[in-house]
């Protein structure tokens, strides 16, 4: 015999009733039948669960262990059943939106907006540093929408049947430690950072090559570039080990300031992608509109980006 959910319910009922007789009545069983079932359960679990006495039953140490687990398992199963029933009653059109995105604040902002715009939709997320991987997941039907990006005017990740729409184009900013000599400058020329080490998040597009080319045009070659996760980039900047490259929408972070690069040598184009053959056009239009509003909200929370937009007369 294998242990089943009904066996855990039986053990719980015996403990709650305090006696086999009362538990049998509550379960609608004859007392001998319940006693026999309890013995079978105890054989599966390897020992007695209750000590029998004149005044009823009391859990053994093994019984207390099993009862402790039932306090977690039984409510979890009940919640699963209720959630599954609600899911089954949900109209198919609002069942699920599977979103993917590269690391950055835009994915979270989009999820937040969709929670209001499509309150009945179940939204799941998948983050990746690889735009190509996101495109493959879209093509394979494992994602519904993906937030990706390209450097400047570079082509979006290619896969048959995918559609990409532009959300916004941002300048690339530089992250400096707050005590850096250029931290209070309105903008920074790349050549002023020629002696620095650099940090940025990885990617499989052309951004690294574009950055190197921009440095070459400015008259220098980067001494060292650390490609790592966002938290590590922030740490390297905070401790003064490196200066970082970031999107202009990068959120305010203690110990770090973001500044525009003079002349905007680098730009990042935010894109929303989906598979045209499988995605509903109305849903795609809704998600695209919410993505554009999410970007506007993220941009508005960045003082340095707001100042840059005003200086360049961008609405």
C-alpha atoms as a PDB file:
ATOM      1  CA  UNK A   1       0.000   0.000   0.000  1.00  0.00           C
ATOM      2  CA  UNK A   2       1.187   3.518  -0.799  1.00  0.00           C
ATOM      3  CA  UNK A   3       0.441   6.508   1.372  1.00  0.00           C
ATOM      4  CA  UNK A   4      -2.408   8.593  -0.054  1.00  0.00           C
ATOM      5  CA  UNK A   5      -3.993  11.925   0.752  1.00  0.00           C
ATOM      6  CA  UNK A   6      -7.024  10.212   2.306  1.00  0.00           C
ATOM      7  CA  UNK A   7      -4.732   8.475   4.763  1.00  0.00           C
ATOM      8  CA  UNK A   8      -3.400  11.817   5.978  1.00  0.00           C
ATOM      9  CA  UNK A   9      -6.974  13.040   6.374  1.00  0.00           C
ATOM     10  CA  UNK A  10      -7.731   9.947   8.450  1.00  0.00           C
ATOM     11  CA  UNK A  11      -4.757  10.581  10.740  1.00  0.00           C
ATOM     12  CA  UNK A  12      -5.786  14.210  11.105  1.00  0.00           C
ATOM     13  CA  UNK A  13      -9.381  13.209  11.940  1.00  0.00           C
ATOM     14  CA  UNK A  14      -8.239  10.782  14.653  1.00  0.00           C
ATOM     15  CA  UNK A  15      -5.995  13.426  16.236  1.00  0.00           C
ATOM     16  CA  UNK A  16      -8.748  16.061  16.124  1.00  0.00           C
ATOM     17  CA  UNK A  17     -11.362  13.697  17.601  1.00  0.00           C
ATOM     18  CA  UNK A  18      -9.068  12.366  20.314  1.00  0.00           C
ATOM     19  CA  UNK A  19     -10.433   8.834  20.047  1.00  0.00           C
ATOM     20  CA  UNK A  20     -10.994   6.171  17.421  1.00  0.00           C
ATOM     21  CA  UNK A  21     -14.680   5.933  18.280  1.00  0.00           C
ATOM     22  CA  UNK A  22     -15.382   9.640  17.792  1.00  0.00           C
ATOM     23  CA  UNK A  23     -13.196   9.736  14.661  1.00  0.00           C
ATOM     24  CA  UNK A  24     -15.072   6.769  13.168  1.00  0.00           C
ATOM     25  CA  UNK A  25     -18.377   8.559  13.745  1.00  0.00           C
ATOM     26  CA  UNK A  26     -17.070  11.740  12.101  1.00  0.00           C
ATOM     27  CA  UNK A  27     -15.762   9.778   9.124  1.00  0.00           C
ATOM     28  CA  UNK A  28     -18.880   7.633   8.767  1.00  0.00           C
ATOM     29  CA  UNK A  29     -16.978   4.397   9.388  1.00  0.00           C
ATOM     30  CA  UNK A  30     -17.331   1.511  11.771  1.00  0.00           C
ATOM     31  CA  UNK A  31     -14.771   1.692  14.576  1.00  0.00           C
ATOM     32  CA  UNK A  32     -13.165  -1.702  13.686  1.00  0.00           C
ATOM     33  CA  UNK A  33     -12.790  -0.609  10.064  1.00  0.00           C
ATOM     34  CA  UNK A  34     -11.059   2.606  11.135  1.00  0.00           C
ATOM     35  CA  UNK A  35      -8.743   0.670  13.475  1.00  0.00           C
ATOM     36  CA  UNK A  36      -7.774  -1.664  10.647  1.00  0.00           C
ATOM     37  CA  UNK A  37      -7.123   1.283   8.314  1.00  0.00           C
ATOM     38  CA  UNK A  38      -4.951   2.982  10.935  1.00  0.00           C
ATOM     39  CA  UNK A  39      -2.861  -0.173  11.309  1.00  0.00           C
ATOM     40  CA  UNK A  40      -2.283  -0.286   7.552  1.00  0.00           C
ATOM     41  CA  UNK A  41      -1.215   3.380   7.588  1.00  0.00           C
ATOM     42  CA  UNK A  42       1.155   2.723  10.498  1.00  0.00           C
ATOM     43  CA  UNK A  43       2.743  -0.185   8.622  1.00  0.00           C
ATOM     44  CA  UNK A  44       3.416   2.109   5.648  1.00  0.00           C
ATOM     45  CA  UNK A  45       4.923   4.798   7.879  1.00  0.00           C
ATOM     46  CA  UNK A  46       6.984   2.368   9.933  1.00  0.00           C
ATOM     47  CA  UNK A  47       5.596   2.766  13.444  1.00  0.00           C
ATOM     48  CA  UNK A  48       2.674   3.571  15.715  1.00  0.00           C
ATOM     49  CA  UNK A  49       1.113   6.997  15.297  1.00  0.00           C
ATOM     50  CA  UNK A  50      -1.057   6.946  18.418  1.00  0.00           C
ATOM     51  CA  UNK A  51      -0.902   5.518  21.917  1.00  0.00           C
ATOM     52  CA  UNK A  52      -4.252   4.037  22.962  1.00  0.00           C
ATOM     53  CA  UNK A  53      -5.524   4.679  26.492  1.00  0.00           C
ATOM     54  CA  UNK A  54      -8.690   4.652  28.554  1.00  0.00           C
ATOM     55  CA  UNK A  55      -9.375   8.266  27.724  1.00  0.00           C
ATOM     56  CA  UNK A  56      -8.707   8.062  23.976  1.00  0.00           C
ATOM     57  CA  UNK A  57      -5.577   8.343  21.838  1.00  0.00           C
ATOM     58  CA  UNK A  58      -2.445  10.484  22.047  1.00  0.00           C
ATOM     59  CA  UNK A  59       0.033  11.045  19.225  1.00  0.00           C
ATOM     60  CA  UNK A  60       3.439   9.385  19.463  1.00  0.00           C
ATOM     61  CA  UNK A  61       6.603  11.196  18.411  1.00  0.00           C
ATOM     62  CA  UNK A  62       6.155   9.717  14.909  1.00  0.00           C
ATOM     63  CA  UNK A  63       2.515  10.736  15.011  1.00  0.00           C
ATOM     64  CA  UNK A  64       3.445  14.328  15.867  1.00  0.00           C
ATOM     65  CA  UNK A  65       5.837  14.384  12.890  1.00  0.00           C
ATOM     66  CA  UNK A  66       3.097  13.161  10.534  1.00  0.00           C
ATOM     67  CA  UNK A  67       0.536  15.582  11.978  1.00  0.00           C
ATOM     68  CA  UNK A  68       2.958  18.478  11.546  1.00  0.00           C
ATOM     69  CA  UNK A  69       3.244  17.609   7.864  1.00  0.00           C
ATOM     70  CA  UNK A  70      -0.529  17.335   7.473  1.00  0.00           C
ATOM     71  CA  UNK A  71      -0.858  20.933   8.690  1.00  0.00           C
ATOM     72  CA  UNK A  72       1.111  21.965   5.599  1.00  0.00           C
ATOM     73  CA  UNK A  73       0.012  19.406   3.012  1.00  0.00           C
ATOM     74  CA  UNK A  74      -3.759  19.349   3.535  1.00  0.00           C
ATOM     75  CA  UNK A  75      -4.337  23.137   3.342  1.00  0.00           C
ATOM     76  CA  UNK A  76      -2.001  23.302   0.313  1.00  0.00           C
ATOM     77  CA  UNK A  77      -4.004  20.616  -1.500  1.00  0.00           C
ATOM     78  CA  UNK A  78      -7.273  22.358  -0.629  1.00  0.00           C
ATOM     79  CA  UNK A  79      -5.909  25.633  -1.975  1.00  0.00           C
ATOM     80  CA  UNK A  80      -4.728  23.854  -5.139  1.00  0.00           C
ATOM     81  CA  UNK A  81      -8.178  22.388  -5.689  1.00  0.00           C
ATOM     82  CA  UNK A  82      -9.833  25.778  -5.232  1.00  0.00           C
ATOM     83  CA  UNK A  83      -7.354  27.529  -7.523  1.00  0.00           C
ATOM     84  CA  UNK A  84      -7.729  24.828 -10.182  1.00  0.00           C
ATOM     85  CA  UNK A  85     -11.518  25.194 -10.032  1.00  0.00           C
ATOM     86  CA  UNK A  86     -11.225  28.977 -10.460  1.00  0.00           C
ATOM     87  CA  UNK A  87      -8.786  28.506 -13.339  1.00  0.00           C
ATOM     88  CA  UNK A  88     -11.135  26.054 -15.060  1.00  0.00           C
ATOM     89  CA  UNK A  89     -13.952  28.609 -14.863  1.00  0.00           C
ATOM     90  CA  UNK A  90     -11.780  31.421 -16.273  1.00  0.00           C
ATOM     91  CA  UNK A  91     -12.536  32.275 -19.936  1.00  0.00           C
ATOM     92  CA  UNK A  92      -9.822  30.954 -22.211  1.00  0.00           C
ATOM     93  CA  UNK A  93      -9.131  34.427 -23.650  1.00  0.00           C
ATOM     94  CA  UNK A  94      -7.865  35.630 -20.267  1.00  0.00           C
ATOM     95  CA  UNK A  95      -6.060  32.459 -19.224  1.00  0.00           C
ATOM     96  CA  UNK A  96      -2.383  33.354 -19.326  1.00  0.00           C
ATOM     97  CA  UNK A  97       0.200  35.797 -20.669  1.00  0.00           C
ATOM     98  CA  UNK A  98       3.743  34.474 -20.677  1.00  0.00           C
ATOM     99  CA  UNK A  99       6.159  37.409 -20.801  1.00  0.00           C
ATOM    100  CA  UNK A 100       9.901  37.334 -21.363  1.00  0.00           C
ATOM    101  CA  UNK A 101      12.366  40.155 -21.082  1.00  0.00           C
ATOM    102  CA  UNK A 102      15.979  41.153 -20.768  1.00  0.00           C
ATOM    103  CA  UNK A 103      17.156  42.429 -17.397  1.00  0.00           C
ATOM    104  CA  UNK A 104      15.930  45.932 -16.600  1.00  0.00           C
ATOM    105  CA  UNK A 105      13.046  47.843 -15.027  1.00  0.00           C
ATOM    106  CA  UNK A 106      10.702  47.643 -18.023  1.00  0.00           C
ATOM    107  CA  UNK A 107       9.540  44.043 -17.502  1.00  0.00           C
ATOM    108  CA  UNK A 108       8.404  44.701 -13.941  1.00  0.00           C
ATOM    109  CA  UNK A 109       6.682  47.927 -14.973  1.00  0.00           C
ATOM    110  CA  UNK A 110       4.809  46.110 -17.749  1.00  0.00           C
ATOM    111  CA  UNK A 111       3.650  43.366 -15.373  1.00  0.00           C
ATOM    112  CA  UNK A 112       2.384  46.070 -13.012  1.00  0.00           C
ATOM    113  CA  UNK A 113       0.396  47.811 -15.755  1.00  0.00           C
ATOM    114  CA  UNK A 114      -1.061  44.567 -17.129  1.00  0.00           C
ATOM    115  CA  UNK A 115      -2.323  43.707 -13.646  1.00  0.00           C
ATOM    116  CA  UNK A 116      -4.603  46.752 -13.951  1.00  0.00           C
ATOM    117  CA  UNK A 117      -5.350  46.572 -17.682  1.00  0.00           C
ATOM    118  CA  UNK A 118      -6.063  42.805 -17.740  1.00  0.00           C
ATOM    119  CA  UNK A 119      -6.969  41.943 -14.128  1.00  0.00           C
ATOM    120  CA  UNK A 120      -8.226  38.443 -14.977  1.00  0.00           C
ATOM    121  CA  UNK A 121      -5.081  37.430 -16.878  1.00  0.00           C
ATOM    122  CA  UNK A 122      -2.500  35.166 -15.278  1.00  0.00           C
ATOM    123  CA  UNK A 123       0.899  36.701 -16.054  1.00  0.00           C
ATOM    124  CA  UNK A 124       4.145  34.745 -15.800  1.00  0.00           C
ATOM    125  CA  UNK A 125       7.647  36.051 -16.517  1.00  0.00           C
ATOM    126  CA  UNK A 126      10.962  34.761 -17.818  1.00  0.00           C
ATOM    127  CA  UNK A 127      14.132  36.890 -17.699  1.00  0.00           C
ATOM    128  CA  UNK A 128      17.156  36.296 -19.922  1.00  0.00           C
ATOM    129  CA  UNK A 129      20.235  38.270 -20.982  1.00  0.00           C
ATOM    130  CA  UNK A 130      19.920  36.724 -24.470  1.00  0.00           C
ATOM    131  CA  UNK A 131      17.657  38.402 -27.029  1.00  0.00           C
ATOM    132  CA  UNK A 132      18.171  35.409 -29.311  1.00  0.00           C
ATOM    133  CA  UNK A 133      16.928  33.024 -26.654  1.00  0.00           C
ATOM    134  CA  UNK A 134      13.804  35.138 -26.141  1.00  0.00           C
ATOM    135  CA  UNK A 135      13.175  35.083 -29.896  1.00  0.00           C
ATOM    136  CA  UNK A 136      13.528  31.293 -29.935  1.00  0.00           C
ATOM    137  CA  UNK A 137      11.067  30.949 -27.044  1.00  0.00           C
ATOM    138  CA  UNK A 138       8.568  33.085 -28.961  1.00  0.00           C
ATOM    139  CA  UNK A 139       9.026  31.026 -32.109  1.00  0.00           C
ATOM    140  CA  UNK A 140       8.582  27.773 -30.177  1.00  0.00           C
ATOM    141  CA  UNK A 141       5.388  29.011 -28.550  1.00  0.00           C
ATOM    142  CA  UNK A 142       6.863  28.960 -25.038  1.00  0.00           C
ATOM    143  CA  UNK A 143       6.396  32.728 -24.628  1.00  0.00           C
ATOM    144  CA  UNK A 144       3.543  34.965 -25.744  1.00  0.00           C
ATOM    145  CA  UNK A 145       5.432  38.280 -25.706  1.00  0.00           C
ATOM    146  CA  UNK A 146       9.059  39.299 -25.225  1.00  0.00           C
ATOM    147  CA  UNK A 147      10.686  42.585 -24.318  1.00  0.00           C
ATOM    148  CA  UNK A 148      14.034  42.739 -26.075  1.00  0.00           C
ATOM    149  CA  UNK A 149      16.239  45.414 -27.546  1.00  0.00           C
ATOM    150  CA  UNK A 150      18.777  46.274 -30.167  1.00  0.00           C
ATOM    151  CA  UNK A 151      21.713  48.625 -30.326  1.00  0.00           C
ATOM    152  CA  UNK A 152      20.721  51.678 -32.343  1.00  0.00           C
ATOM    153  CA  UNK A 153      19.163  50.673 -35.661  1.00  0.00           C
ATOM    154  CA  UNK A 154      20.361  47.037 -35.631  1.00  0.00           C
ATOM    155  CA  UNK A 155      17.863  44.404 -36.787  1.00  0.00           C
ATOM    156  CA  UNK A 156      15.791  42.676 -34.069  1.00  0.00           C
ATOM    157  CA  UNK A 157      16.383  39.023 -33.185  1.00  0.00           C
ATOM    158  CA  UNK A 158      15.406  36.927 -36.168  1.00  0.00           C
ATOM    159  CA  UNK A 159      13.016  33.986 -36.191  1.00  0.00           C
ATOM    160  CA  UNK A 160      10.368  33.087 -38.748  1.00  0.00           C
ATOM    161  CA  UNK A 161       6.916  34.502 -38.060  1.00  0.00           C
ATOM    162  CA  UNK A 162       7.952  36.962 -35.361  1.00  0.00           C
ATOM    163  CA  UNK A 163       6.715  40.551 -35.300  1.00  0.00           C
ATOM    164  CA  UNK A 164       8.623  43.304 -33.498  1.00  0.00           C
ATOM    165  CA  UNK A 165       7.307  46.742 -32.633  1.00  0.00           C
ATOM    166  CA  UNK A 166       9.286  49.641 -31.223  1.00  0.00           C
ATOM    167  CA  UNK A 167       8.427  50.773 -27.704  1.00  0.00           C
ATOM    168  CA  UNK A 168      10.972  53.584 -27.364  1.00  0.00           C
ATOM    169  CA  UNK A 169      14.565  54.531 -28.104  1.00  0.00           C
ATOM    170  CA  UNK A 170      16.746  55.537 -25.140  1.00  0.00           C
ATOM    171  CA  UNK A 171      20.243  57.002 -24.974  1.00  0.00           C
ATOM    172  CA  UNK A 172      22.781  54.874 -23.146  1.00  0.00           C
ATOM    173  CA  UNK A 173      23.989  56.541 -19.947  1.00  0.00           C
ATOM    174  CA  UNK A 174      27.078  56.000 -17.832  1.00  0.00           C
ATOM    175  CA  UNK A 175      26.882  54.951 -14.160  1.00  0.00           C
ATOM    176  CA  UNK A 176      29.368  56.670 -11.859  1.00  0.00           C
ATOM    177  CA  UNK A 177      30.107  56.349  -8.145  1.00  0.00           C
ATOM    178  CA  UNK A 178      28.510  59.316  -6.391  1.00  0.00           C
ATOM    179  CA  UNK A 179      31.933  60.667  -5.372  1.00  0.00           C
ATOM    180  CA  UNK A 180      33.351  60.489  -8.909  1.00  0.00           C
ATOM    181  CA  UNK A 181      34.849  63.751 -10.203  1.00  0.00           C
ATOM    182  CA  UNK A 182      32.287  63.819 -13.033  1.00  0.00           C
ATOM    183  CA  UNK A 183      29.282  62.843 -10.916  1.00  0.00           C
ATOM    184  CA  UNK A 184      27.871  66.377 -10.919  1.00  0.00           C
ATOM    185  CA  UNK A 185      28.569  67.138 -14.588  1.00  0.00           C
ATOM    186  CA  UNK A 186      25.493  67.636 -16.801  1.00  0.00           C
ATOM    187  CA  UNK A 187      26.945  65.163 -19.298  1.00  0.00           C
ATOM    188  CA  UNK A 188      30.163  63.233 -19.813  1.00  0.00           C
ATOM    189  CA  UNK A 189      32.368  62.900 -22.884  1.00  0.00           C
ATOM    190  CA  UNK A 190      33.599  59.350 -23.496  1.00  0.00           C
ATOM    191  CA  UNK A 191      37.196  60.556 -23.732  1.00  0.00           C
ATOM    192  CA  UNK A 192      36.945  61.817 -20.145  1.00  0.00           C
ATOM    193  CA  UNK A 193      36.542  58.184 -19.069  1.00  0.00           C
ATOM    194  CA  UNK A 194      39.433  56.822 -21.118  1.00  0.00           C
ATOM    195  CA  UNK A 195      41.355  55.665 -18.030  1.00  0.00           C
ATOM    196  CA  UNK A 196      38.407  53.848 -16.418  1.00  0.00           C
ATOM    197  CA  UNK A 197      37.495  50.201 -16.219  1.00  0.00           C
ATOM    198  CA  UNK A 198      33.971  49.398 -17.385  1.00  0.00           C
ATOM    199  CA  UNK A 199      31.082  47.163 -16.363  1.00  0.00           C
ATOM    200  CA  UNK A 200      27.875  46.193 -18.167  1.00  0.00           C
ATOM    201  CA  UNK A 201      25.392  43.335 -18.387  1.00  0.00           C
ATOM    202  CA  UNK A 202      26.077  40.711 -21.078  1.00  0.00           C
ATOM    203  CA  UNK A 203      24.152  40.367 -24.324  1.00  0.00           C
ATOM    204  CA  UNK A 204      24.378  38.511 -27.606  1.00  0.00           C
ATOM    205  CA  UNK A 205      23.704  41.487 -29.893  1.00  0.00           C
ATOM    206  CA  UNK A 206      26.151  44.024 -31.282  1.00  0.00           C
ATOM    207  CA  UNK A 207      26.221  46.364 -28.244  1.00  0.00           C
ATOM    208  CA  UNK A 208      29.752  45.364 -27.194  1.00  0.00           C
ATOM    209  CA  UNK A 209      31.098  46.041 -30.675  1.00  0.00           C
ATOM    210  CA  UNK A 210      29.231  49.348 -30.872  1.00  0.00           C
ATOM    211  CA  UNK A 211      30.691  50.445 -27.543  1.00  0.00           C
ATOM    212  CA  UNK A 212      34.225  49.563 -28.625  1.00  0.00           C
ATOM    213  CA  UNK A 213      33.706  51.437 -31.900  1.00  0.00           C
ATOM    214  CA  UNK A 214      32.418  54.506 -30.012  1.00  0.00           C
ATOM    215  CA  UNK A 215      35.500  54.470 -27.800  1.00  0.00           C
ATOM    216  CA  UNK A 216      37.742  54.188 -30.855  1.00  0.00           C
ATOM    217  CA  UNK A 217      36.065  57.220 -32.419  1.00  0.00           C
ATOM    218  CA  UNK A 218      36.631  59.079 -29.141  1.00  0.00           C
ATOM    219  CA  UNK A 219      40.330  58.181 -29.330  1.00  0.00           C
ATOM    220  CA  UNK A 220      40.896  55.318 -26.862  1.00  0.00           C
ATOM    221  CA  UNK A 221      40.468  51.596 -26.262  1.00  0.00           C
ATOM    222  CA  UNK A 222      38.681  50.433 -23.077  1.00  0.00           C
ATOM    223  CA  UNK A 223      41.226  49.053 -20.632  1.00  0.00           C
ATOM    224  CA  UNK A 224      38.917  46.362 -19.258  1.00  0.00           C
ATOM    225  CA  UNK A 225      35.198  45.531 -19.528  1.00  0.00           C
ATOM    226  CA  UNK A 226      33.451  43.383 -16.905  1.00  0.00           C
ATOM    227  CA  UNK A 227      30.331  41.644 -18.226  1.00  0.00           C
ATOM    228  CA  UNK A 228      28.221  40.513 -15.286  1.00  0.00           C
ATOM    229  CA  UNK A 229      24.755  40.655 -13.719  1.00  0.00           C
ATOM    230  CA  UNK A 230      23.087  43.945 -12.808  1.00  0.00           C
ATOM    231  CA  UNK A 231      23.719  43.655  -9.054  1.00  0.00           C
ATOM    232  CA  UNK A 232      27.424  43.055  -9.654  1.00  0.00           C
ATOM    233  CA  UNK A 233      27.644  45.986 -12.076  1.00  0.00           C
ATOM    234  CA  UNK A 234      26.117  48.238  -9.409  1.00  0.00           C
ATOM    235  CA  UNK A 235      28.558  46.933  -6.796  1.00  0.00           C
ATOM    236  CA  UNK A 236      31.589  47.532  -9.011  1.00  0.00           C
ATOM    237  CA  UNK A 237      30.420  51.107  -9.592  1.00  0.00           C
ATOM    238  CA  UNK A 238      29.594  51.753  -5.930  1.00  0.00           C
ATOM    239  CA  UNK A 239      33.060  50.698  -4.752  1.00  0.00           C
ATOM    240  CA  UNK A 240      34.791  52.668  -7.522  1.00  0.00           C
ATOM    241  CA  UNK A 241      36.162  49.619  -9.333  1.00  0.00           C
ATOM    242  CA  UNK A 242      34.486  50.514 -12.627  1.00  0.00           C
ATOM    243  CA  UNK A 243      32.057  52.838 -14.347  1.00  0.00           C
ATOM    244  CA  UNK A 244      28.993  51.228 -15.833  1.00  0.00           C
ATOM    245  CA  UNK A 245      26.916  51.390 -18.985  1.00  0.00           C
ATOM    246  CA  UNK A 246      23.157  51.447 -18.505  1.00  0.00           C
ATOM    247  CA  UNK A 247      19.906  52.352 -20.169  1.00  0.00           C
ATOM    248  CA  UNK A 248      18.725  55.873 -19.410  1.00  0.00           C
ATOM    249  CA  UNK A 249      15.771  54.408 -17.486  1.00  0.00           C
ATOM    250  CA  UNK A 250      18.044  52.798 -14.888  1.00  0.00           C
ATOM    251  CA  UNK A 251      16.393  53.418 -11.481  1.00  0.00           C
ATOM    252  CA  UNK A 252      17.902  55.586  -8.736  1.00  0.00           C
ATOM    253  CA  UNK A 253      20.381  53.516  -6.725  1.00  0.00           C
ATOM    254  CA  UNK A 254      22.244  54.437  -3.523  1.00  0.00           C
ATOM    255  CA  UNK A 255      25.888  55.320  -4.130  1.00  0.00           C
ATOM    256  CA  UNK A 256      25.427  55.611  -7.913  1.00  0.00           C
ATOM    257  CA  UNK A 257      24.588  58.475 -10.284  1.00  0.00           C
ATOM    258  CA  UNK A 258      23.746  58.156 -13.967  1.00  0.00           C
ATOM    259  CA  UNK A 259      24.852  60.739 -16.513  1.00  0.00           C
ATOM    260  CA  UNK A 260      24.272  61.143 -20.275  1.00  0.00           C
ATOM    261  CA  UNK A 261      27.138  60.581 -22.669  1.00  0.00           C
ATOM    262  CA  UNK A 262      27.808  63.750 -24.665  1.00  0.00           C
ATOM    263  CA  UNK A 263      26.639  63.476 -28.257  1.00  0.00           C
ATOM    264  CA  UNK A 264      24.684  60.259 -27.524  1.00  0.00           C
ATOM    265  CA  UNK A 265      27.196  57.849 -29.083  1.00  0.00           C
ATOM    266  CA  UNK A 266      25.122  54.829 -28.032  1.00  0.00           C
ATOM    267  CA  UNK A 267      21.375  54.207 -28.083  1.00  0.00           C
ATOM    268  CA  UNK A 268      19.137  51.323 -27.080  1.00  0.00           C
ATOM    269  CA  UNK A 269      15.895  50.524 -28.915  1.00  0.00           C
ATOM    270  CA  UNK A 270      13.260  48.791 -26.792  1.00  0.00           C
ATOM    271  CA  UNK A 271      11.151  46.264 -28.721  1.00  0.00           C
ATOM    272  CA  UNK A 272       8.117  44.104 -28.036  1.00  0.00           C
ATOM    273  CA  UNK A 273       7.938  40.867 -29.996  1.00  0.00           C
ATOM    274  CA  UNK A 274       5.337  38.154 -30.561  1.00  0.00           C
ATOM    275  CA  UNK A 275       4.507  35.433 -33.070  1.00  0.00           C
ATOM    276  CA  UNK A 276       2.146  36.842 -35.662  1.00  0.00           C
ATOM    277  CA  UNK A 277       0.618  33.474 -36.517  1.00  0.00           C
ATOM    278  CA  UNK A 278      -0.477  32.550 -33.020  1.00  0.00           C
ATOM    279  CA  UNK A 279      -1.044  35.812 -31.131  1.00  0.00           C
ATOM    280  CA  UNK A 280      -4.377  37.616 -31.103  1.00  0.00           C
ATOM    281  CA  UNK A 281      -4.074  41.077 -32.708  1.00  0.00           C
ATOM    282  CA  UNK A 282      -6.175  42.830 -30.052  1.00  0.00           C
ATOM    283  CA  UNK A 283      -4.132  41.332 -27.225  1.00  0.00           C
ATOM    284  CA  UNK A 284      -0.900  42.327 -28.982  1.00  0.00           C
ATOM    285  CA  UNK A 285      -2.158  45.898 -29.374  1.00  0.00           C
ATOM    286  CA  UNK A 286      -3.076  46.048 -25.681  1.00  0.00           C
ATOM    287  CA  UNK A 287       0.282  44.698 -24.499  1.00  0.00           C
ATOM    288  CA  UNK A 288       2.175  47.060 -26.841  1.00  0.00           C
ATOM    289  CA  UNK A 289       0.235  50.086 -25.592  1.00  0.00           C
ATOM    290  CA  UNK A 290       0.845  49.080 -21.974  1.00  0.00           C
ATOM    291  CA  UNK A 291       4.556  48.515 -22.686  1.00  0.00           C
ATOM    292  CA  UNK A 292       4.873  52.043 -24.099  1.00  0.00           C
ATOM    293  CA  UNK A 293       3.101  53.526 -21.071  1.00  0.00           C
ATOM    294  CA  UNK A 294       5.262  51.404 -18.758  1.00  0.00           C
ATOM    295  CA  UNK A 295       8.380  52.816 -20.408  1.00  0.00           C
ATOM    296  CA  UNK A 296       7.072  56.368 -20.030  1.00  0.00           C
ATOM    297  CA  UNK A 297       6.470  55.746 -16.337  1.00  0.00           C
ATOM    298  CA  UNK A 298       9.935  54.298 -15.787  1.00  0.00           C
ATOM    299  CA  UNK A 299      11.536  57.207 -17.661  1.00  0.00           C
ATOM    300  CA  UNK A 300       9.613  59.743 -15.567  1.00  0.00           C
ATOM    301  CA  UNK A 301      11.096  58.276 -12.368  1.00  0.00           C
ATOM    302  CA  UNK A 302      14.673  58.959 -13.545  1.00  0.00           C
ATOM    303  CA  UNK A 303      15.739  62.530 -12.776  1.00  0.00           C
ATOM    304  CA  UNK A 304      18.770  62.355 -15.058  1.00  0.00           C
ATOM    305  CA  UNK A 305      16.706  61.042 -17.961  1.00  0.00           C
ATOM    306  CA  UNK A 306      13.951  63.612 -17.377  1.00  0.00           C
ATOM    307  CA  UNK A 307      16.573  66.372 -17.520  1.00  0.00           C
ATOM    308  CA  UNK A 308      18.042  64.895 -20.701  1.00  0.00           C
ATOM    309  CA  UNK A 309      14.617  64.723 -22.363  1.00  0.00           C
ATOM    310  CA  UNK A 310      13.912  68.343 -21.457  1.00  0.00           C
ATOM    311  CA  UNK A 311      17.303  69.501 -22.740  1.00  0.00           C
ATOM    312  CA  UNK A 312      16.731  67.704 -26.042  1.00  0.00           C
ATOM    313  CA  UNK A 313      13.102  68.862 -26.210  1.00  0.00           C
ATOM    314  CA  UNK A 314      11.768  65.323 -26.353  1.00  0.00           C
ATOM    315  CA  UNK A 315       8.129  65.177 -25.115  1.00  0.00           C
END
